[in-house]
C-alpha atoms as a PDB file:
ATOM      1  CA  MET A   1      23.072   2.964 -20.797  1.00  0.00           C
ATOM      2  CA  SER A   2      22.631   5.416 -23.679  1.00  0.00           C
ATOM      3  CA  GLY A   3      22.934   9.136 -23.075  1.00  0.00           C
ATOM      4  CA  THR A   4      19.233   9.734 -23.728  1.00  0.00           C
ATOM      5  CA  VAL A   5      18.094   7.008 -21.367  1.00  0.00           C
ATOM      6  CA  SER A   6      20.509   8.038 -18.636  1.00  0.00           C
ATOM      7  CA  ARG A   7      19.279  11.626 -18.889  1.00  0.00           C
ATOM      8  CA  ALA A   8      15.650  10.512 -18.682  1.00  0.00           C
ATOM      9  CA  VAL A   9      16.463   8.433 -15.593  1.00  0.00           C
ATOM     10  CA  ALA A  10      18.253  11.417 -14.047  1.00  0.00           C
ATOM     11  CA  LEU A  11      15.199  13.604 -14.697  1.00  0.00           C
ATOM     12  CA  LEU A  12      12.859  11.128 -13.019  1.00  0.00           C
ATOM     13  CA  ALA A  13      15.198  10.758 -10.058  1.00  0.00           C
ATOM     14  CA  GLU A  14      15.340  14.525  -9.612  1.00  0.00           C
ATOM     15  CA  LEU A  15      11.559  14.877  -9.866  1.00  0.00           C
ATOM     16  CA  ALA A  16      11.219  12.200  -7.209  1.00  0.00           C
ATOM     17  CA  GLU A  17      12.653  14.811  -4.820  1.00  0.00           C
ATOM     18  CA  GLY A  18       9.998  17.377  -5.731  1.00  0.00           C
ATOM     19  CA  GLU A  19       8.659  19.546  -8.547  1.00  0.00           C
ATOM     20  CA  ARG A  20      11.183  21.347 -10.745  1.00  0.00           C
ATOM     21  CA  SER A  21      11.204  23.976 -13.475  1.00  0.00           C
ATOM     22  CA  LEU A  22      12.673  23.459 -16.928  1.00  0.00           C
ATOM     23  CA  ASP A  23      15.585  25.745 -16.030  1.00  0.00           C
ATOM     24  CA  GLN A  24      16.355  23.731 -12.893  1.00  0.00           C
ATOM     25  CA  LEU A  25      16.303  20.429 -14.785  1.00  0.00           C
ATOM     26  CA  ALA A  26      18.504  21.801 -17.569  1.00  0.00           C
ATOM     27  CA  ALA A  27      21.019  23.003 -14.995  1.00  0.00           C
ATOM     28  CA  LEU A  28      20.962  19.582 -13.343  1.00  0.00           C
ATOM     29  CA  LEU A  29      21.762  17.767 -16.586  1.00  0.00           C
ATOM     30  CA  GLY A  30      24.163  20.423 -17.823  1.00  0.00           C
ATOM     31  CA  VAL A  31      22.557  20.506 -21.278  1.00  0.00           C
ATOM     32  CA  HIS A  32      20.525  23.012 -23.277  1.00  0.00           C
ATOM     33  CA  LYS A  33      16.889  23.534 -22.322  1.00  0.00           C
ATOM     34  CA  THR A  34      15.660  22.342 -25.731  1.00  0.00           C
ATOM     35  CA  THR A  35      17.273  18.935 -25.115  1.00  0.00           C
ATOM     36  CA  VAL A  36      15.616  18.634 -21.721  1.00  0.00           C
ATOM     37  CA  LEU A  37      12.287  19.817 -23.123  1.00  0.00           C
ATOM     38  CA  ARG A  38      12.317  17.069 -25.765  1.00  0.00           C
ATOM     39  CA  LEU A  39      12.947  14.469 -23.054  1.00  0.00           C
ATOM     40  CA  LEU A  40      10.198  15.875 -20.861  1.00  0.00           C
ATOM     41  CA  GLN A  41       7.732  15.875 -23.756  1.00  0.00           C
ATOM     42  CA  SER A  42       8.443  12.186 -24.400  1.00  0.00           C
ATOM     43  CA  LEU A  43       8.027  11.403 -20.695  1.00  0.00           C
ATOM     44  CA  GLU A  44       4.768  13.387 -20.641  1.00  0.00           C
ATOM     45  CA  GLU A  45       3.423  11.336 -23.546  1.00  0.00           C
ATOM     46  CA  GLY A  46       4.090   8.207 -21.498  1.00  0.00           C
ATOM     47  CA  ARG A  47       2.411   9.793 -18.443  1.00  0.00           C
ATOM     48  CA  LEU A  48       5.664   9.467 -16.530  1.00  0.00           C
ATOM     49  CA  VAL A  49       5.900  13.245 -16.068  1.00  0.00           C
ATOM     50  CA  HIS A  50       3.186  15.850 -15.487  1.00  0.00           C
ATOM     51  CA  ARG A  51       3.415  19.612 -16.132  1.00  0.00           C
ATOM     52  CA  ASP A  52       1.156  22.046 -14.268  1.00  0.00           C
ATOM     53  CA  ALA A  53      -0.227  25.407 -15.359  1.00  0.00           C
ATOM     54  CA  ASP A  54       2.877  27.167 -14.015  1.00  0.00           C
ATOM     55  CA  HIS A  55       5.108  24.964 -16.207  1.00  0.00           C
ATOM     56  CA  ARG A  56       6.571  23.088 -13.292  1.00  0.00           C
ATOM     57  CA  TYR A  57       7.196  19.379 -13.690  1.00  0.00           C
ATOM     58  CA  TYR A  58       6.176  16.497 -11.399  1.00  0.00           C
ATOM     59  CA  LEU A  59       6.284  12.729 -11.546  1.00  0.00           C
ATOM     60  CA  GLY A  60       3.307  11.484 -13.543  1.00  0.00           C
ATOM     61  CA  ALA A  61       0.464   9.111 -12.703  1.00  0.00           C
ATOM     62  CA  GLY A  62       1.807   6.538 -15.158  1.00  0.00           C
ATOM     63  CA  LEU A  63       4.467   5.695 -12.608  1.00  0.00           C
ATOM     64  CA  PHE A  64       1.779   4.449 -10.197  1.00  0.00           C
ATOM     65  CA  ALA A  65       0.807   1.730 -12.654  1.00  0.00           C
ATOM     66  CA  LEU A  66       4.422   0.810 -13.303  1.00  0.00           C
ATOM     67  CA  ALA A  67       5.192   0.684  -9.576  1.00  0.00           C
ATOM     68  CA  GLY A  68       2.167  -1.516  -8.949  1.00  0.00           C
ATOM     69  CA  ARG A  69       3.161  -3.908 -11.705  1.00  0.00           C
ATOM     70  CA  ALA A  70       6.733  -4.034 -10.442  1.00  0.00           C
ATOM     71  CA  LEU A  71       5.486  -5.090  -7.008  1.00  0.00           C
ATOM     72  CA  GLU A  72       3.128  -7.654  -8.550  1.00  0.00           C
ATOM     73  CA  GLN A  73       6.138  -9.272 -10.218  1.00  0.00           C
ATOM     74  CA  ARG A  74       7.533 -10.203  -6.801  1.00  0.00           C
ATOM     75  CA  PRO A  75       5.587 -13.322  -5.770  1.00  0.00           C
ATOM     76  CA  VAL A  76       7.168 -13.398  -2.314  1.00  0.00           C
ATOM     77  CA  ARG A  77       5.575 -10.052  -1.521  1.00  0.00           C
ATOM     78  CA  ARG A  78       2.104 -11.352  -2.356  1.00  0.00           C
ATOM     79  CA  ILE A  79       2.682 -14.573  -0.422  1.00  0.00           C
ATOM     80  CA  ALA A  80       4.024 -12.742   2.631  1.00  0.00           C
ATOM     81  CA  THR A  81       1.299 -10.100   2.881  1.00  0.00           C
ATOM     82  CA  ALA A  82      -1.057 -11.784   5.352  1.00  0.00           C
ATOM     83  CA  ARG A  83       1.709 -13.077   7.640  1.00  0.00           C
ATOM     84  CA  LEU A  84       3.476  -9.722   7.807  1.00  0.00           C
ATOM     85  CA  ALA A  85       0.223  -7.872   8.448  1.00  0.00           C
ATOM     86  CA  GLU A  86      -0.432 -10.242  11.352  1.00  0.00           C
ATOM     87  CA  LEU A  87       3.081  -9.645  12.695  1.00  0.00           C
ATOM     88  CA  ASN A  88       2.567  -5.896  12.465  1.00  0.00           C
ATOM     89  CA  ALA A  89      -0.764  -6.144  14.291  1.00  0.00           C
ATOM     90  CA  ALA A  90       0.652  -8.420  16.999  1.00  0.00           C
ATOM     91  CA  THR A  91       3.752  -6.310  17.754  1.00  0.00           C
ATOM     92  CA  GLY A  92       2.585  -2.825  16.814  1.00  0.00           C
ATOM     93  CA  GLN A  93       6.025  -2.204  15.270  1.00  0.00           C
ATOM     94  CA  THR A  94       7.243  -1.372  11.765  1.00  0.00           C
ATOM     95  CA  VAL A  95       7.618  -4.445   9.568  1.00  0.00           C
ATOM     96  CA  HIS A  96       9.681  -4.477   6.370  1.00  0.00           C
ATOM     97  CA  LEU A  97      10.116  -7.018   3.600  1.00  0.00           C
ATOM     98  CA  ALA A  98      13.282  -6.659   1.521  1.00  0.00           C
ATOM     99  CA  ALA A  99      14.839  -8.469  -1.431  1.00  0.00           C
ATOM    100  CA  LEU A 100      18.161  -8.480  -3.256  1.00  0.00           C
ATOM    101  CA  GLU A 101      18.000  -6.888  -6.702  1.00  0.00           C
ATOM    102  CA  GLY A 102      21.281  -7.075  -8.559  1.00  0.00           C
ATOM    103  CA  GLU A 103      23.777  -5.605  -6.141  1.00  0.00           C
ATOM    104  CA  GLU A 104      21.245  -3.690  -4.027  1.00  0.00           C
ATOM    105  CA  VAL A 105      18.847  -4.604  -1.257  1.00  0.00           C
ATOM    106  CA  VAL A 106      15.523  -2.798  -1.580  1.00  0.00           C
ATOM    107  CA  TYR A 107      12.359  -2.634   0.476  1.00  0.00           C
ATOM    108  CA  VAL A 108       9.484  -4.329  -1.366  1.00  0.00           C
ATOM    109  CA  ASP A 109       6.839  -3.939   1.338  1.00  0.00           C
ATOM    110  CA  LYS A 110       6.266  -2.068   4.592  1.00  0.00           C
ATOM    111  CA  TYR A 111       3.736  -2.088   7.427  1.00  0.00           C
ATOM    112  CA  GLU A 112       3.806   1.037   9.557  1.00  0.00           C
ATOM    113  CA  SER A 113       4.152   1.092  13.328  1.00  0.00           C
ATOM    114  CA  ARG A 114       1.244   2.291  15.436  1.00  0.00           C
ATOM    115  CA  GLN A 115       3.709   4.295  17.532  1.00  0.00           C
ATOM    116  CA  PRO A 116       4.049   8.083  17.135  1.00  0.00           C
ATOM    117  CA  VAL A 117       7.833   7.677  16.729  1.00  0.00           C
ATOM    118  CA  ARG A 118       8.660   5.400  13.815  1.00  0.00           C
ATOM    119  CA  MET A 119      11.288   4.564  11.219  1.00  0.00           C
ATOM    120  CA  TYR A 120      11.366   6.546   7.985  1.00  0.00           C
ATOM    121  CA  SER A 121      11.642   4.333   4.895  1.00  0.00           C
ATOM    122  CA  ARG A 122       9.941   3.891   1.540  1.00  0.00           C
ATOM    123  CA  ILE A 123       9.140   0.897  -0.626  1.00  0.00           C
ATOM    124  CA  GLY A 124      11.563   0.733  -3.546  1.00  0.00           C
ATOM    125  CA  LEU A 125      14.428   2.496  -1.828  1.00  0.00           C
ATOM    126  CA  PRO A 126      17.767   0.691  -1.369  1.00  0.00           C
ATOM    127  CA  VAL A 127      19.085   0.073   2.140  1.00  0.00           C
ATOM    128  CA  PRO A 128      22.679   0.362   3.416  1.00  0.00           C
ATOM    129  CA  MET A 129      24.186  -3.050   2.725  1.00  0.00           C
ATOM    130  CA  HIS A 130      26.751  -2.972   5.538  1.00  0.00           C
ATOM    131  CA  CYS A 131      24.450  -2.132   8.425  1.00  0.00           C
ATOM    132  CA  ALA A 132      20.773  -2.880   7.702  1.00  0.00           C
ATOM    133  CA  ALA A 133      19.572  -6.099   9.322  1.00  0.00           C
ATOM    134  CA  VAL A 134      17.642  -7.175   6.208  1.00  0.00           C
ATOM    135  CA  ALA A 135      20.755  -6.674   4.067  1.00  0.00           C
ATOM    136  CA  LYS A 136      22.835  -8.792   6.428  1.00  0.00           C
ATOM    137  CA  VAL A 137      20.305 -11.621   6.171  1.00  0.00           C
ATOM    138  CA  LEU A 138      20.268 -11.479   2.370  1.00  0.00           C
ATOM    139  CA  LEU A 139      24.058 -11.261   2.078  1.00  0.00           C
ATOM    140  CA  ALA A 140      24.504 -14.118   4.553  1.00  0.00           C
ATOM    141  CA  GLY A 141      22.211 -16.237   2.387  1.00  0.00           C
ATOM    142  CA  LEU A 142      24.441 -15.922  -0.684  1.00  0.00           C
ATOM    143  CA  PRO A 143      27.100 -18.433  -1.719  1.00  0.00           C
ATOM    144  CA  PRO A 144      30.412 -17.396  -0.049  1.00  0.00           C
ATOM    145  CA  GLY A 145      32.070 -16.363  -3.314  1.00  0.00           C
ATOM    146  CA  ARG A 146      29.295 -13.996  -4.372  1.00  0.00           C
ATOM    147  CA  ARG A 147      28.978 -12.696  -0.822  1.00  0.00           C
ATOM    148  CA  GLN A 148      32.663 -11.749  -0.742  1.00  0.00           C
ATOM    149  CA  LYS A 149      32.507 -10.039  -4.143  1.00  0.00           C
ATOM    150  CA  LEU A 150      29.515  -7.927  -3.118  1.00  0.00           C
ATOM    151  CA  VAL A 151      31.086  -6.958   0.200  1.00  0.00           C
ATOM    152  CA  ALA A 152      34.333  -5.990  -1.529  1.00  0.00           C
ATOM    153  CA  ARG A 153      32.430  -3.434  -3.644  1.00  0.00           C
ATOM    154  CA  LEU A 154      30.577  -1.760  -0.786  1.00  0.00           C
ATOM    155  CA  THR A 155      31.182   1.745   0.499  1.00  0.00           C
ATOM    156  CA  PHE A 156      31.418   1.541   4.282  1.00  0.00           C
ATOM    157  CA  THR A 157      29.845   4.837   5.306  1.00  0.00           C
ATOM    158  CA  PRO A 158      30.091   5.212   9.121  1.00  0.00           C
ATOM    159  CA  PHE A 159      26.537   6.270   9.988  1.00  0.00           C
ATOM    160  CA  THR A 160      26.993   5.828  13.759  1.00  0.00           C
ATOM    161  CA  GLU A 161      29.730   4.731  16.139  1.00  0.00           C
ATOM    162  CA  ARG A 162      28.358   1.176  15.883  1.00  0.00           C
ATOM    163  CA  THR A 163      28.505   0.935  12.082  1.00  0.00           C
ATOM    164  CA  LEU A 164      30.736  -1.801  10.695  1.00  0.00           C
ATOM    165  CA  THR A 165      33.373  -0.062   8.602  1.00  0.00           C
ATOM    166  CA  THR A 166      35.531  -2.812   7.043  1.00  0.00           C
ATOM    167  CA  PRO A 167      34.876  -5.810   4.770  1.00  0.00           C
ATOM    168  CA  LYS A 168      36.539  -8.078   7.341  1.00  0.00           C
ATOM    169  CA  ALA A 169      34.173  -6.991  10.113  1.00  0.00           C
ATOM    170  CA  LEU A 170      31.095  -7.348   7.908  1.00  0.00           C
ATOM    171  CA  LEU A 171      32.102 -10.780   6.606  1.00  0.00           C
ATOM    172  CA  ALA A 172      32.601 -11.981  10.186  1.00  0.00           C
ATOM    173  CA  GLU A 173      29.163 -10.627  11.066  1.00  0.00           C
ATOM    174  CA  LEU A 174      27.626 -12.385   8.055  1.00  0.00           C
ATOM    175  CA  ASP A 175      29.142 -15.683   9.179  1.00  0.00           C
ATOM    176  CA  ARG A 176      27.384 -15.213  12.536  1.00  0.00           C
ATOM    177  CA  VAL A 177      24.116 -14.336  10.806  1.00  0.00           C
ATOM    178  CA  ALA A 178      24.290 -17.451   8.615  1.00  0.00           C
ATOM    179  CA  GLU A 179      24.945 -19.614  11.662  1.00  0.00           C
ATOM    180  CA  GLN A 180      22.290 -18.186  13.993  1.00  0.00           C
ATOM    181  CA  GLY A 181      19.606 -17.589  11.354  1.00  0.00           C
ATOM    182  CA  TRP A 182      18.870 -13.930  12.081  1.00  0.00           C
ATOM    183  CA  ALA A 183      20.512 -10.498  12.020  1.00  0.00           C
ATOM    184  CA  GLN A 184      20.448  -7.298  14.005  1.00  0.00           C
ATOM    185  CA  ASP A 185      21.045  -3.625  13.408  1.00  0.00           C
ATOM    186  CA  ARG A 186      21.708  -2.247  16.860  1.00  0.00           C
ATOM    187  CA  ALA A 187      21.838   1.488  16.162  1.00  0.00           C
ATOM    188  CA  GLU A 188      24.220   0.887  13.240  1.00  0.00           C
ATOM    189  CA  HIS A 189      22.337   2.995  10.701  1.00  0.00           C
ATOM    190  CA  GLU A 190      20.446   5.405  12.949  1.00  0.00           C
ATOM    191  CA  PRO A 191      21.521   5.986  16.560  1.00  0.00           C
ATOM    192  CA  PHE A 192      17.979   5.659  17.931  1.00  0.00           C
ATOM    193  CA  MET A 193      16.773   2.658  15.888  1.00  0.00           C
ATOM    194  CA  ASN A 194      17.149  -1.078  16.541  1.00  0.00           C
ATOM    195  CA  CYS A 195      16.137  -3.765  14.046  1.00  0.00           C
ATOM    196  CA  VAL A 196      16.060  -7.548  13.876  1.00  0.00           C
ATOM    197  CA  ALA A 197      15.611  -9.524  10.652  1.00  0.00           C
ATOM    198  CA  ALA A 198      15.132 -13.125   9.582  1.00  0.00           C
ATOM    199  CA  PRO A 199      15.214 -14.944   6.230  1.00  0.00           C
ATOM    200  CA  VAL A 200      12.400 -16.101   3.982  1.00  0.00           C
ATOM    201  CA  ARG A 201      13.284 -19.176   1.902  1.00  0.00           C
ATOM    202  CA  ASP A 202      11.778 -20.775  -1.192  1.00  0.00           C
ATOM    203  CA  ALA A 203      11.256 -24.437  -2.049  1.00  0.00           C
ATOM    204  CA  THR A 204      14.954 -24.867  -2.841  1.00  0.00           C
ATOM    205  CA  GLY A 205      16.015 -23.468   0.529  1.00  0.00           C
ATOM    206  CA  ARG A 206      17.389 -20.306  -1.071  1.00  0.00           C
ATOM    207  CA  VAL A 207      16.969 -17.029   0.838  1.00  0.00           C
ATOM    208  CA  VAL A 208      14.642 -14.985  -1.372  1.00  0.00           C
ATOM    209  CA  ALA A 209      13.694 -12.202   1.041  1.00  0.00           C
ATOM    210  CA  ALA A 210      14.211 -10.890   4.549  1.00  0.00           C
ATOM    211  CA  ALA A 211      11.616  -9.553   6.964  1.00  0.00           C
ATOM    212  CA  SER A 212      12.408  -7.236   9.847  1.00  0.00           C
ATOM    213  CA  LEU A 213      11.020  -5.431  12.864  1.00  0.00           C
ATOM    214  CA  SER A 214      12.290  -1.876  13.368  1.00  0.00           C
ATOM    215  CA  VAL A 215      11.781  -0.176  16.726  1.00  0.00           C
ATOM    216  CA  PRO A 216      12.985   3.219  18.027  1.00  0.00           C
ATOM    217  CA  ASP A 217      14.678   2.923  21.415  1.00  0.00           C
ATOM    218  CA  LEU A 218      12.230   5.541  22.703  1.00  0.00           C
ATOM    219  CA  VAL A 219       9.555   2.871  22.227  1.00  0.00           C
ATOM    220  CA  LEU A 220      11.456  -0.244  23.335  1.00  0.00           C
ATOM    221  CA  PRO A 221      15.046  -0.777  24.504  1.00  0.00           C
ATOM    222  CA  TYR A 222      17.217  -3.158  22.519  1.00  0.00           C
ATOM    223  CA  GLU A 223      16.709  -6.044  24.962  1.00  0.00           C
ATOM    224  CA  GLN A 224      12.950  -5.879  24.483  1.00  0.00           C
ATOM    225  CA  VAL A 225      13.333  -5.730  20.708  1.00  0.00           C
ATOM    226  CA  LEU A 226      15.169  -9.059  20.955  1.00  0.00           C
ATOM    227  CA  GLU A 227      12.150 -10.443  22.796  1.00  0.00           C
ATOM    228  CA  LEU A 228      10.149  -9.919  19.592  1.00  0.00           C
ATOM    229  CA  LEU A 229      12.564 -12.107  17.613  1.00  0.00           C
ATOM    230  CA  PRO A 230      10.635 -15.395  18.146  1.00  0.00           C
ATOM    231  CA  GLN A 231       7.503 -13.823  16.639  1.00  0.00           C
ATOM    232  CA  LEU A 232       9.479 -12.535  13.666  1.00  0.00           C
ATOM    233  CA  ARG A 233      11.176 -15.878  13.060  1.00  0.00           C
ATOM    234  CA  ALA A 234       7.859 -17.713  13.344  1.00  0.00           C
ATOM    235  CA  ALA A 235       6.320 -15.389  10.746  1.00  0.00           C
ATOM    236  CA  CYS A 236       9.283 -15.900   8.397  1.00  0.00           C
ATOM    237  CA  ALA A 237       9.095 -19.669   8.860  1.00  0.00           C
ATOM    238  CA  ALA A 238       5.387 -19.588   7.992  1.00  0.00           C
ATOM    239  CA  ILE A 239       6.025 -17.453   4.900  1.00  0.00           C
ATOM    240  CA  SER A 240       8.826 -19.810   3.864  1.00  0.00           C
ATOM    241  CA  ALA A 241       6.432 -22.755   4.197  1.00  0.00           C
ATOM    242  CA  ASP A 242       3.918 -20.867   2.053  1.00  0.00           C
ATOM    243  CA  CYS A 243       6.726 -20.442  -0.517  1.00  0.00           C
ATOM    244  CA  GLY A 244       7.271 -24.215  -0.547  1.00  0.00           C
ATOM    245  CA  ALA A 245      10.186 -24.509   1.874  1.00  0.00           C
ATOM    246  CA  SER A 246      10.231 -27.689   3.912  1.00  0.00           C
END
């Protein structure tokens, strides 16, 4: 990535956290303000950045259109919409759809829980590959060689006492996921959150996405989350059929 492009990406990533002044952005990049100002002016012309009357910078409305088009380019999201909405309505719990992009797993859709306590997540954000249930499903669906290479490059951050912290442990877990056809995150990422996930396949049988149910243990204990698994797997099977899987 060229220096100019990488700086523009860094600016957008910083503005995603909140509005910033020119001085703050220049300090972030470690370059002169005139360099940052030229970048910001180019981003403003593309409506990717907006400047208010106090000369503070925000993400621009042009990103809404880009985000919408990015989501439209994922056919599985469009195909899965009705089934996942039904699953969300039937269970009342948070439903996610995730896909593998390069070497990251990202959320491509979300249906919020009706409960007052719910999981924080955003469409487009990557998920922890070594502990998220959707990531386990997507990794387990890869050919063994690619699976091993991806796992070898992961950083095993120990989020909770249940987090898997070695490639060996994760690979063993992925073997179980591939065999049983679903994955769990039992308080591995957040100590109060339990998730189950299942694969979505295309006409070739390839795993192209993973759907999950995420439930705080204040709402349901782990054992009752497992009771929702048949509904999740049925929804994923229906979506897979809609994608052409036999």
